[in-house]
Amino acid sequence: MGKSVEAKEKIFDDIAKNNYPVTVWNLTAGNLIKAEVKLESVVVGRRNELHFSCPSLAEQLIEQMISGTGKLNFFVAHKGILFTSAIIQFTKNRLVVEIPQDTDFQDRRIRERVDAFAVTAQLQIGEKIITKNAFNLSTGGIALVFMKSENIRELK
């Protein structure tokens, strides 16, 4: 079930107040790109917005992530939240996105997670072996990100 704008505003205000790291990520041509940004403020009004500051390295990576959909993926490990949001504005050191819609906002299992840049997993599905870089690890498992074009159900 989705959360109201007020409930989401409270969650995002907590993220900004506590300076929790926010990861912007995208899977492009099979490569996982991640950049860390900081949520500076939440603006609720005519347009419900999240305002992020971006260090210069994150800015360059985000430029690579922006695609025709006009949306970016976000992950807040400290809150176990994963969401997709539409870009409103992206300028030097600043990213403004919409507060995600109910269907795009998901609470994830809350377990300590660590980035897994150097972890590679091999999956055998039927006769095919797929090698993927891990997104992160937790005591509950490993997160692997697949592109929509990688339809793993068809590999059986």
N, C-alpha and C. Protein backbone atom coordinates (compact mmCIF):
# COMPACT_ATOMS: atom_id res chain seq x y z
N MET A 1 0.83 -1.18 0.00
CA MET A 1 0.00 0.00 0.00
C MET A 1 0.88 1.25 0.00
N GLY A 2 0.49 2.26 -0.75
CA GLY A 2 1.27 3.47 -0.85
C GLY A 2 1.13 4.35 0.38
N LYS A 3 2.03 5.28 0.51
CA LYS A 3 2.02 6.20 1.64
C LYS A 3 1.52 7.56 1.16
N SER A 4 0.90 8.31 2.08
CA SER A 4 0.44 9.66 1.75
C SER A 4 1.65 10.57 1.56
N VAL A 5 1.41 11.71 0.94
CA VAL A 5 2.49 12.69 0.75
C VAL A 5 3.04 13.11 2.10
N GLU A 6 2.17 13.27 3.10
CA GLU A 6 2.61 13.69 4.42
C GLU A 6 3.52 12.64 5.06
N ALA A 7 3.16 11.37 4.91
CA ALA A 7 3.98 10.29 5.48
C ALA A 7 5.34 10.24 4.78
N LYS A 8 5.34 10.39 3.45
CA LYS A 8 6.60 10.39 2.71
C LYS A 8 7.44 11.62 3.08
N GLU A 9 6.77 12.77 3.25
CA GLU A 9 7.49 13.99 3.64
C GLU A 9 8.22 13.77 4.97
N LYS A 10 7.57 13.12 5.91
CA LYS A 10 8.18 12.86 7.22
C LYS A 10 9.40 11.95 7.06
N ILE A 11 9.30 10.90 6.24
CA ILE A 11 10.43 9.99 6.02
C ILE A 11 11.59 10.73 5.38
N PHE A 12 11.31 11.52 4.34
CA PHE A 12 12.38 12.25 3.65
C PHE A 12 12.96 13.36 4.51
N ASP A 13 12.14 14.02 5.34
CA ASP A 13 12.67 15.02 6.28
C ASP A 13 13.66 14.37 7.24
N ASP A 14 13.34 13.15 7.70
CA ASP A 14 14.23 12.42 8.61
C ASP A 14 15.55 12.09 7.92
N ILE A 15 15.49 11.71 6.65
CA ILE A 15 16.70 11.42 5.88
C ILE A 15 17.57 12.67 5.78
N ALA A 16 16.95 13.82 5.46
CA ALA A 16 17.70 15.07 5.34
C ALA A 16 18.27 15.50 6.69
N LYS A 17 17.47 15.44 7.73
CA LYS A 17 17.89 15.89 9.07
C LYS A 17 19.07 15.07 9.58
N ASN A 18 19.07 13.77 9.32
CA ASN A 18 20.13 12.89 9.81
C ASN A 18 21.29 12.71 8.83
N ASN A 19 21.24 13.43 7.71
CA ASN A 19 22.31 13.35 6.70
C ASN A 19 22.60 11.92 6.25
N TYR A 20 21.55 11.10 6.13
CA TYR A 20 21.75 9.74 5.65
C TYR A 20 22.21 9.77 4.19
N PRO A 21 23.20 8.96 3.84
CA PRO A 21 23.64 8.92 2.44
C PRO A 21 22.53 8.40 1.54
N VAL A 22 22.41 9.01 0.38
CA VAL A 22 21.43 8.59 -0.61
C VAL A 22 22.21 8.18 -1.86
N THR A 23 21.94 7.00 -2.36
CA THR A 23 22.62 6.51 -3.56
C THR A 23 21.70 6.64 -4.75
N VAL A 24 22.16 7.31 -5.79
CA VAL A 24 21.47 7.35 -7.07
C VAL A 24 22.11 6.25 -7.90
N TRP A 25 21.30 5.42 -8.57
CA TRP A 25 21.89 4.32 -9.32
C TRP A 25 21.12 4.06 -10.60
N ASN A 26 21.83 3.44 -11.53
CA ASN A 26 21.20 3.05 -12.79
C ASN A 26 22.01 1.91 -13.39
N LEU A 27 21.34 1.06 -14.09
CA LEU A 27 21.98 -0.03 -14.80
C LEU A 27 21.97 0.34 -16.28
N THR A 28 23.16 0.60 -16.83
CA THR A 28 23.29 1.04 -18.21
C THR A 28 24.19 0.07 -18.96
N ALA A 29 23.67 -0.52 -20.00
CA ALA A 29 24.43 -1.48 -20.82
C ALA A 29 25.09 -2.55 -19.95
N GLY A 30 24.36 -3.03 -18.96
CA GLY A 30 24.86 -4.08 -18.09
C GLY A 30 25.80 -3.62 -17.01
N ASN A 31 26.11 -2.32 -16.96
CA ASN A 31 27.01 -1.78 -15.93
C ASN A 31 26.22 -1.02 -14.89
N LEU A 32 26.48 -1.30 -13.63
CA LEU A 32 25.83 -0.61 -12.54
C LEU A 32 26.62 0.66 -12.22
N ILE A 33 25.94 1.81 -12.29
CA ILE A 33 26.56 3.10 -11.98
C ILE A 33 25.89 3.61 -10.71
N LYS A 34 26.71 4.03 -9.73
CA LYS A 34 26.19 4.55 -8.47
C LYS A 34 26.88 5.87 -8.13
N ALA A 35 26.11 6.78 -7.52
CA ALA A 35 26.66 8.05 -7.07
C ALA A 35 25.96 8.43 -5.77
N GLU A 36 26.73 8.99 -4.84
CA GLU A 36 26.15 9.40 -3.57
C GLU A 36 25.82 10.89 -3.61
N VAL A 37 24.58 11.20 -3.16
CA VAL A 37 24.12 12.59 -3.08
C VAL A 37 23.59 12.83 -1.67
N LYS A 38 23.32 14.10 -1.36
CA LYS A 38 22.81 14.46 -0.03
C LYS A 38 21.46 15.14 -0.18
N LEU A 39 20.47 14.62 0.53
CA LEU A 39 19.14 15.25 0.52
C LEU A 39 19.20 16.49 1.39
N GLU A 40 19.02 17.65 0.77
CA GLU A 40 19.10 18.94 1.49
C GLU A 40 17.75 19.38 2.04
N SER A 41 16.68 19.19 1.22
CA SER A 41 15.37 19.66 1.68
C SER A 41 14.24 18.95 0.95
N VAL A 42 13.08 19.01 1.59
CA VAL A 42 11.85 18.45 1.03
C VAL A 42 10.88 19.62 0.89
N VAL A 43 10.34 19.82 -0.31
CA VAL A 43 9.43 20.93 -0.55
C VAL A 43 8.07 20.35 -0.95
N VAL A 44 7.06 20.61 -0.13
CA VAL A 44 5.71 20.13 -0.42
C VAL A 44 4.86 21.34 -0.77
N GLY A 45 4.20 21.26 -1.90
CA GLY A 45 3.38 22.36 -2.37
C GLY A 45 2.76 21.99 -3.69
N ARG A 46 2.79 22.93 -4.63
CA ARG A 46 2.22 22.66 -5.95
C ARG A 46 2.90 21.46 -6.58
N ARG A 47 4.23 21.43 -6.50
CA ARG A 47 5.00 20.26 -6.92
C ARG A 47 5.75 19.75 -5.69
N ASN A 48 5.59 18.49 -5.38
CA ASN A 48 6.28 17.91 -4.23
C ASN A 48 7.67 17.49 -4.67
N GLU A 49 8.70 18.11 -4.06
CA GLU A 49 10.06 17.97 -4.55
C GLU A 49 11.04 17.54 -3.47
N LEU A 50 12.08 16.84 -3.92
CA LEU A 50 13.24 16.51 -3.11
C LEU A 50 14.42 17.25 -3.71
N HIS A 51 15.15 18.01 -2.91
CA HIS A 51 16.30 18.79 -3.38
C HIS A 51 17.58 18.16 -2.84
N PHE A 52 18.47 17.76 -3.76
CA PHE A 52 19.73 17.11 -3.41
C PHE A 52 20.90 17.98 -3.81
N SER A 53 21.98 17.91 -3.01
CA SER A 53 23.24 18.50 -3.45
C SER A 53 24.09 17.36 -3.99
N CYS A 54 24.89 17.67 -5.01
CA CYS A 54 25.70 16.66 -5.70
C CYS A 54 27.16 17.09 -5.73
N PRO A 55 28.06 16.30 -5.15
CA PRO A 55 29.48 16.59 -5.34
C PRO A 55 29.82 16.46 -6.83
N SER A 56 30.93 17.03 -7.25
CA SER A 56 31.25 17.05 -8.68
C SER A 56 31.35 15.66 -9.29
N LEU A 57 31.90 14.68 -8.58
CA LEU A 57 31.98 13.32 -9.12
C LEU A 57 30.58 12.74 -9.31
N ALA A 58 29.71 12.94 -8.32
CA ALA A 58 28.33 12.45 -8.44
C ALA A 58 27.62 13.11 -9.62
N GLU A 59 27.89 14.38 -9.81
CA GLU A 59 27.29 15.13 -10.91
C GLU A 59 27.65 14.49 -12.26
N GLN A 60 28.91 14.13 -12.44
CA GLN A 60 29.35 13.50 -13.68
C GLN A 60 28.69 12.14 -13.86
N LEU A 61 28.58 11.36 -12.79
CA LEU A 61 27.96 10.04 -12.88
C LEU A 61 26.47 10.15 -13.17
N ILE A 62 25.79 11.11 -12.55
CA ILE A 62 24.36 11.30 -12.78
C ILE A 62 24.11 11.68 -14.24
N GLU A 63 24.98 12.50 -14.81
CA GLU A 63 24.85 12.85 -16.24
C GLU A 63 24.84 11.59 -17.10
N GLN A 64 25.66 10.59 -16.73
CA GLN A 64 25.69 9.33 -17.46
C GLN A 64 24.41 8.52 -17.26
N MET A 65 23.76 8.69 -16.11
CA MET A 65 22.57 7.90 -15.77
C MET A 65 21.29 8.41 -16.41
N ILE A 66 21.24 9.69 -16.70
CA ILE A 66 20.01 10.27 -17.21
C ILE A 66 19.70 9.69 -18.59
N SER A 67 18.47 9.17 -18.70
CA SER A 67 18.07 8.55 -19.96
C SER A 67 16.77 9.17 -20.44
N GLY A 68 16.22 8.61 -21.49
CA GLY A 68 14.99 9.11 -22.09
C GLY A 68 13.79 9.05 -21.17
N THR A 69 13.83 8.19 -20.14
CA THR A 69 12.69 8.08 -19.22
C THR A 69 12.56 9.30 -18.33
N GLY A 70 13.67 10.02 -18.12
CA GLY A 70 13.64 11.18 -17.25
C GLY A 70 13.49 10.82 -15.78
N LYS A 71 13.84 9.57 -15.45
CA LYS A 71 13.73 9.12 -14.06
C LYS A 71 15.07 8.57 -13.58
N LEU A 72 15.27 8.64 -12.27
CA LEU A 72 16.46 8.08 -11.63
C LEU A 72 16.02 7.15 -10.50
N ASN A 73 16.86 6.18 -10.21
CA ASN A 73 16.63 5.25 -9.11
C ASN A 73 17.43 5.72 -7.90
N PHE A 74 16.83 5.57 -6.71
CA PHE A 74 17.45 6.01 -5.47
C PHE A 74 17.38 4.89 -4.44
N PHE A 75 18.40 4.85 -3.56
CA PHE A 75 18.41 3.88 -2.48
C PHE A 75 18.96 4.57 -1.24
N VAL A 76 18.23 4.42 -0.12
CA VAL A 76 18.66 4.97 1.17
C VAL A 76 18.85 3.78 2.11
N ALA A 77 20.08 3.34 2.24
CA ALA A 77 20.38 2.12 3.00
C ALA A 77 19.96 2.23 4.46
N HIS A 78 20.16 3.39 5.08
CA HIS A 78 19.83 3.55 6.50
C HIS A 78 18.35 3.40 6.79
N LYS A 79 17.52 3.65 5.80
CA LYS A 79 16.07 3.54 5.97
C LYS A 79 15.50 2.33 5.24
N GLY A 80 16.33 1.64 4.46
CA GLY A 80 15.84 0.49 3.70
C GLY A 80 14.84 0.88 2.64
N ILE A 81 15.05 2.02 2.00
CA ILE A 81 14.08 2.53 1.03
C ILE A 81 14.69 2.57 -0.37
N LEU A 82 13.92 2.08 -1.32
CA LEU A 82 14.29 2.08 -2.73
C LEU A 82 13.15 2.76 -3.48
N PHE A 83 13.46 3.75 -4.33
CA PHE A 83 12.39 4.41 -5.09
C PHE A 83 12.93 4.93 -6.42
N THR A 84 11.99 5.19 -7.31
CA THR A 84 12.29 5.79 -8.61
C THR A 84 11.56 7.12 -8.67
N SER A 85 12.23 8.14 -9.18
CA SER A 85 11.62 9.46 -9.18
C SER A 85 11.95 10.22 -10.47
N ALA A 86 11.00 11.06 -10.90
CA ALA A 86 11.17 11.87 -12.11
C ALA A 86 12.03 13.09 -11.82
N ILE A 87 12.93 13.39 -12.76
CA ILE A 87 13.81 14.56 -12.63
C ILE A 87 13.02 15.82 -12.97
N ILE A 88 13.12 16.81 -12.09
CA ILE A 88 12.53 18.12 -12.36
C ILE A 88 13.61 19.06 -12.88
N GLN A 89 14.78 19.03 -12.22
CA GLN A 89 15.87 19.93 -12.62
C GLN A 89 17.20 19.30 -12.24
N PHE A 90 18.17 19.42 -13.14
CA PHE A 90 19.52 18.96 -12.84
C PHE A 90 20.48 20.01 -13.36
N THR A 91 21.14 20.70 -12.41
CA THR A 91 22.12 21.73 -12.76
C THR A 91 23.37 21.47 -11.94
N LYS A 92 24.37 22.30 -12.13
CA LYS A 92 25.63 22.11 -11.42
C LYS A 92 25.40 21.98 -9.92
N ASN A 93 25.85 20.87 -9.36
CA ASN A 93 25.79 20.57 -7.92
C ASN A 93 24.38 20.48 -7.34
N ARG A 94 23.35 20.40 -8.19
CA ARG A 94 21.98 20.39 -7.67
C ARG A 94 21.09 19.48 -8.50
N LEU A 95 20.32 18.64 -7.79
CA LEU A 95 19.37 17.74 -8.42
C LEU A 95 18.03 17.89 -7.70
N VAL A 96 16.98 18.13 -8.48
CA VAL A 96 15.63 18.24 -7.92
C VAL A 96 14.78 17.18 -8.60
N VAL A 97 14.11 16.35 -7.78
CA VAL A 97 13.24 15.31 -8.32
C VAL A 97 11.89 15.37 -7.61
N GLU A 98 10.90 14.71 -8.22
CA GLU A 98 9.58 14.62 -7.60
C GLU A 98 9.62 13.64 -6.43
N ILE A 99 8.84 13.92 -5.39
CA ILE A 99 8.63 12.90 -4.36
C ILE A 99 7.95 11.74 -5.10
N PRO A 100 8.44 10.52 -4.91
CA PRO A 100 7.94 9.40 -5.72
C PRO A 100 6.45 9.14 -5.53
N GLN A 101 5.81 8.65 -6.60
CA GLN A 101 4.41 8.26 -6.55
C GLN A 101 4.26 7.02 -5.68
N ASP A 102 3.06 6.75 -5.23
CA ASP A 102 2.80 5.60 -4.35
C ASP A 102 3.32 4.29 -4.94
N THR A 103 3.11 4.07 -6.24
CA THR A 103 3.51 2.79 -6.83
C THR A 103 5.01 2.67 -6.99
N ASP A 104 5.74 3.79 -6.93
CA ASP A 104 7.19 3.76 -7.08
C ASP A 104 7.93 3.72 -5.75
N PHE A 105 7.21 3.82 -4.66
CA PHE A 105 7.83 3.93 -3.34
C PHE A 105 7.70 2.60 -2.62
N GLN A 106 8.82 1.98 -2.27
CA GLN A 106 8.80 0.68 -1.63
C GLN A 106 9.67 0.70 -0.38
N ASP A 107 9.14 0.17 0.72
CA ASP A 107 9.96 -0.06 1.90
C ASP A 107 10.63 -1.40 1.72
N ARG A 108 11.95 -1.45 1.87
CA ARG A 108 12.68 -2.70 1.76
C ARG A 108 12.94 -3.27 3.13
N ARG A 109 13.34 -4.53 3.16
CA ARG A 109 13.70 -5.15 4.43
C ARG A 109 14.75 -4.29 5.09
N ILE A 110 14.60 -4.09 6.39
CA ILE A 110 15.57 -3.27 7.09
C ILE A 110 16.61 -4.20 7.72
N ARG A 111 17.75 -4.26 7.07
CA ARG A 111 18.90 -5.01 7.56
C ARG A 111 20.12 -4.20 7.15
N GLU A 112 21.16 -4.30 7.93
CA GLU A 112 22.37 -3.57 7.57
C GLU A 112 22.87 -4.08 6.22
N ARG A 113 23.15 -3.16 5.31
CA ARG A 113 23.62 -3.51 3.98
C ARG A 113 24.97 -2.83 3.74
N VAL A 114 25.80 -3.48 3.00
CA VAL A 114 27.09 -2.90 2.63
C VAL A 114 27.22 -2.92 1.12
N ASP A 115 27.83 -1.88 0.58
CA ASP A 115 28.08 -1.85 -0.86
C ASP A 115 29.00 -3.00 -1.23
N ALA A 116 28.79 -3.54 -2.40
CA ALA A 116 29.55 -4.72 -2.82
C ALA A 116 30.16 -4.49 -4.19
N PHE A 117 30.96 -3.44 -4.32
CA PHE A 117 31.54 -3.08 -5.62
C PHE A 117 32.38 -4.21 -6.21
N ALA A 118 33.10 -4.96 -5.37
CA ALA A 118 34.04 -5.96 -5.89
C ALA A 118 33.49 -7.38 -5.85
N VAL A 119 32.20 -7.54 -5.52
CA VAL A 119 31.62 -8.88 -5.43
C VAL A 119 30.93 -9.23 -6.74
N THR A 120 31.29 -10.40 -7.28
CA THR A 120 30.69 -10.88 -8.52
C THR A 120 29.98 -12.20 -8.22
N ALA A 121 28.79 -12.35 -8.75
CA ALA A 121 28.03 -13.59 -8.55
C ALA A 121 27.82 -14.27 -9.89
N GLN A 122 27.91 -15.58 -9.90
CA GLN A 122 27.61 -16.36 -11.10
C GLN A 122 26.35 -17.16 -10.83
N LEU A 123 25.39 -17.04 -11.72
CA LEU A 123 24.12 -17.75 -11.60
C LEU A 123 24.03 -18.74 -12.75
N GLN A 124 23.60 -19.94 -12.46
CA GLN A 124 23.36 -20.91 -13.53
C GLN A 124 21.86 -21.10 -13.63
N ILE A 125 21.32 -20.72 -14.77
CA ILE A 125 19.89 -20.87 -15.03
C ILE A 125 19.78 -21.78 -16.25
N GLY A 126 19.31 -22.99 -16.02
CA GLY A 126 19.29 -23.98 -17.09
C GLY A 126 20.72 -24.26 -17.51
N GLU A 127 21.00 -24.09 -18.79
CA GLU A 127 22.35 -24.32 -19.32
C GLU A 127 23.19 -23.05 -19.35
N LYS A 128 22.56 -21.91 -19.11
CA LYS A 128 23.25 -20.63 -19.25
C LYS A 128 23.83 -20.17 -17.90
N ILE A 129 25.05 -19.62 -17.96
CA ILE A 129 25.70 -19.05 -16.78
C ILE A 129 25.74 -17.53 -16.96
N ILE A 130 25.22 -16.83 -15.97
CA ILE A 130 25.18 -15.37 -16.00
C ILE A 130 26.10 -14.85 -14.89
N THR A 131 26.94 -13.87 -15.22
CA THR A 131 27.81 -13.24 -14.23
C THR A 131 27.31 -11.82 -14.01
N LYS A 132 27.07 -11.46 -12.74
CA LYS A 132 26.57 -10.13 -12.39
C LYS A 132 27.39 -9.56 -11.25
N ASN A 133 27.57 -8.25 -11.25
CA ASN A 133 28.17 -7.56 -10.11
C ASN A 133 27.08 -7.32 -9.08
N ALA A 134 27.41 -7.51 -7.81
CA ALA A 134 26.44 -7.32 -6.74
C ALA A 134 26.19 -5.83 -6.52
N PHE A 135 24.97 -5.49 -6.15
CA PHE A 135 24.61 -4.11 -5.80
C PHE A 135 24.97 -3.87 -4.34
N ASN A 136 24.54 -4.81 -3.46
CA ASN A 136 24.93 -4.75 -2.06
C ASN A 136 24.72 -6.11 -1.41
N LEU A 137 25.22 -6.23 -0.18
CA LEU A 137 25.11 -7.46 0.59
C LEU A 137 24.48 -7.15 1.94
N SER A 138 23.76 -8.12 2.50
CA SER A 138 23.26 -8.00 3.87
C SER A 138 23.25 -9.39 4.48
N THR A 139 22.89 -9.45 5.75
CA THR A 139 22.80 -10.76 6.39
C THR A 139 21.66 -11.58 5.79
N GLY A 140 20.75 -10.92 5.10
CA GLY A 140 19.62 -11.61 4.48
C GLY A 140 19.87 -12.03 3.05
N GLY A 141 20.99 -11.62 2.46
CA GLY A 141 21.25 -12.03 1.07
C GLY A 141 22.04 -11.01 0.30
N ILE A 142 21.92 -11.14 -1.01
CA ILE A 142 22.67 -10.30 -1.94
C ILE A 142 21.67 -9.65 -2.90
N ALA A 143 21.93 -8.42 -3.27
CA ALA A 143 21.07 -7.73 -4.24
C ALA A 143 21.79 -7.68 -5.58
N LEU A 144 21.15 -8.24 -6.60
CA LEU A 144 21.65 -8.17 -7.97
C LEU A 144 20.64 -7.37 -8.77
N VAL A 145 21.10 -6.55 -9.68
CA VAL A 145 20.21 -5.72 -10.48
C VAL A 145 20.26 -6.21 -11.92
N PHE A 146 19.08 -6.49 -12.47
CA PHE A 146 18.97 -6.94 -13.86
C PHE A 146 18.25 -5.88 -14.68
N MET A 147 18.68 -5.69 -15.90
CA MET A 147 17.99 -4.79 -16.82
C MET A 147 16.71 -5.49 -17.28
N LYS A 148 15.70 -4.72 -17.68
CA LYS A 148 14.46 -5.33 -18.17
C LYS A 148 14.72 -6.24 -19.35
N SER A 149 15.71 -5.88 -20.17
CA SER A 149 16.00 -6.69 -21.36
C SER A 149 16.62 -8.04 -21.00
N GLU A 150 17.10 -8.19 -19.77
CA GLU A 150 17.67 -9.46 -19.31
C GLU A 150 16.56 -10.31 -18.70
N ASN A 151 15.68 -10.80 -19.51
CA ASN A 151 14.54 -11.57 -19.02
C ASN A 151 15.01 -12.95 -18.59
N ILE A 152 15.27 -13.10 -17.30
CA ILE A 152 15.84 -14.36 -16.81
C ILE A 152 14.83 -15.50 -16.84
N ARG A 153 13.56 -15.20 -16.90
CA ARG A 153 12.55 -16.26 -17.00
C ARG A 153 12.64 -17.01 -18.32
N GLU A 154 13.10 -16.34 -19.34
CA GLU A 154 13.22 -16.97 -20.67
C GLU A 154 14.45 -17.86 -20.77
N LEU A 155 15.34 -17.83 -19.80
CA LEU A 155 16.58 -18.61 -19.87
C LEU A 155 16.39 -20.06 -19.45
N LYS A 156 15.30 -20.39 -18.82
CA LYS A 156 15.10 -21.76 -18.32
C LYS A 156 15.02 -22.77 -19.45
